[in-house]
């Protein structure tokens, strides 16, 4: 069964770094863009970053530009989210997701993503 599994979350202090991983199983990783979203309590799900299959296109939400970096290792069916200079407002559950279609033009709409992981908690203390 195709699935995405996130890992790497945890409790850190403001200014620290974390690297999240999104491991894919099954045949659902090849040729598809992968995105990261986050959701804090009481808030809507927010686009964080996305990357196309060849890693030639990367997209970021405004709140993380310059601090977060997305990458992927297709040989290992894994996408990474490197998070630097973390802030308390980055606290959320982080989800990775695959787009519905291989073609993707950088939409921040979660409705364009059709297969989701279970999420990993990131907590940043001040």
Protein backbone atom coordinates (compact mmCIF):
# COMPACT_ATOMS: atom_id res chain seq x y z
CA UNK A 1 0.00 0.00 0.00
CA UNK A 2 1.37 3.38 -0.99
CA UNK A 3 2.06 5.69 1.90
CA UNK A 4 4.16 8.61 3.12
CA UNK A 5 5.79 8.58 6.54
CA UNK A 6 7.21 11.70 8.16
CA UNK A 7 9.91 11.71 10.82
CA UNK A 8 12.38 14.05 12.47
CA UNK A 9 10.09 16.25 14.49
CA UNK A 10 10.77 17.18 18.08
CA UNK A 11 11.12 19.88 20.70
CA UNK A 12 13.77 22.52 20.05
CA UNK A 13 14.59 26.04 21.14
CA UNK A 14 14.20 29.16 19.06
CA UNK A 15 17.13 29.53 16.67
CA UNK A 16 17.77 25.80 16.44
CA UNK A 17 17.52 23.61 13.36
CA UNK A 18 15.66 20.42 12.50
CA UNK A 19 15.54 18.22 9.45
CA UNK A 20 12.32 16.44 8.63
CA UNK A 21 12.15 13.41 6.39
CA UNK A 22 9.29 12.08 4.28
CA UNK A 23 9.77 8.49 3.20
CA UNK A 24 7.58 7.05 0.46
CA UNK A 25 6.66 3.46 -0.13
CA UNK A 26 4.98 1.77 -3.00
CA UNK A 27 5.01 3.11 -6.55
CA UNK A 28 3.64 6.50 -5.71
CA UNK A 29 6.84 8.51 -5.47
CA UNK A 30 8.27 8.34 -8.97
CA UNK A 31 7.71 11.42 -11.15
CA UNK A 32 5.57 13.25 -8.59
CA UNK A 33 6.20 16.53 -6.79
CA UNK A 34 6.12 16.35 -3.02
CA UNK A 35 5.08 19.13 -0.70
CA UNK A 36 5.26 20.00 2.98
CA UNK A 37 2.41 21.62 4.85
CA UNK A 38 1.93 22.45 8.49
CA UNK A 39 -1.00 22.99 10.78
CA UNK A 40 -0.93 24.69 14.16
CA UNK A 41 -3.77 24.28 16.69
CA UNK A 42 -6.75 26.36 15.71
CA UNK A 43 -5.23 27.39 12.38
CA UNK A 44 -5.69 26.31 8.80
CA UNK A 45 -3.23 24.06 7.05
CA UNK A 46 -0.41 26.16 5.61
CA UNK A 47 1.81 25.52 2.62
CA UNK A 48 5.48 25.30 3.56
CA UNK A 49 7.41 24.04 0.54
CA UNK A 50 7.26 21.79 -2.50
CA UNK A 51 9.71 20.24 -4.92
CA UNK A 52 9.30 18.70 -8.34
CA UNK A 53 10.61 15.28 -9.35
CA UNK A 54 13.89 16.51 -10.82
CA UNK A 55 14.53 19.03 -8.02
CA UNK A 56 14.77 21.79 -10.61
CA UNK A 57 11.81 23.65 -9.15
CA UNK A 58 11.34 24.46 -5.48
CA UNK A 59 8.58 26.54 -3.96
CA UNK A 60 8.32 28.08 -0.50
CA UNK A 61 5.71 29.75 1.60
CA UNK A 62 6.44 33.36 2.46
CA UNK A 63 6.82 32.67 6.17
CA UNK A 64 9.69 30.20 5.66
CA UNK A 65 11.60 31.67 2.71
CA UNK A 66 15.28 32.00 3.49
CA UNK A 67 15.06 29.71 6.52
CA UNK A 68 13.74 26.39 5.21
CA UNK A 69 15.10 24.30 2.36
CA UNK A 70 13.46 21.36 0.59
CA UNK A 71 15.36 18.59 -1.17
CA UNK A 72 14.82 15.01 -2.28
CA UNK A 73 16.76 11.81 -2.84
CA UNK A 74 14.87 9.86 -5.46
CA UNK A 75 17.13 6.84 -5.08
CA UNK A 76 15.89 6.60 -1.48
CA UNK A 77 12.31 7.74 -2.15
CA UNK A 78 12.74 10.44 0.45
CA UNK A 79 12.08 14.16 0.64
CA UNK A 80 13.71 16.37 3.25
CA UNK A 81 12.81 19.66 4.85
CA UNK A 82 15.75 21.43 6.45
CA UNK A 83 14.47 24.00 8.92
CA UNK A 84 16.90 26.60 10.23
CA UNK A 85 16.48 29.59 12.54
CA UNK A 86 13.32 28.09 13.95
CA UNK A 87 10.81 30.39 15.64
CA UNK A 88 8.03 29.65 18.13
CA UNK A 89 5.51 30.40 15.37
CA UNK A 90 6.90 27.43 13.41
CA UNK A 91 5.32 25.15 16.01
CA UNK A 92 2.89 22.85 14.21
CA UNK A 93 2.27 19.37 12.93
CA UNK A 94 4.18 19.01 9.67
CA UNK A 95 2.77 16.86 6.87
CA UNK A 96 4.23 15.75 3.59
CA UNK A 97 1.98 15.09 0.63
CA UNK A 98 2.14 14.02 -2.99
CA UNK A 99 0.42 15.97 -5.73
CA UNK A 100 -2.53 14.48 -7.54
CA UNK A 101 -0.80 14.97 -10.87
CA UNK A 102 2.85 14.87 -11.97
CA UNK A 103 2.46 18.32 -13.49
CA UNK A 104 2.61 20.96 -10.81
CA UNK A 105 3.15 24.68 -11.12
CA UNK A 106 3.75 25.68 -7.53
CA UNK A 107 0.23 25.95 -6.16
CA UNK A 108 -0.01 26.45 -2.41
CA UNK A 109 -3.45 24.83 -2.36
CA UNK A 110 -3.60 21.68 -0.26
CA UNK A 111 -6.39 20.51 -2.56
CA UNK A 112 -3.78 19.85 -5.24
CA UNK A 113 -2.18 17.20 -3.04
CA UNK A 114 -3.80 13.82 -2.82
CA UNK A 115 -1.78 11.51 -0.61
CA UNK A 116 -0.81 12.60 2.89
CA UNK A 117 1.39 11.31 5.66
CA UNK A 118 0.32 11.13 9.29
CA UNK A 119 2.38 14.15 10.33
CA UNK A 120 5.21 14.86 12.74
CA UNK A 121 5.09 17.37 15.58
CA UNK A 122 7.54 20.25 15.69
CA UNK A 123 7.59 22.38 18.81
CA UNK A 124 9.80 25.43 19.13
CA UNK A 125 10.17 26.96 22.57
CA UNK A 126 11.08 30.61 23.11
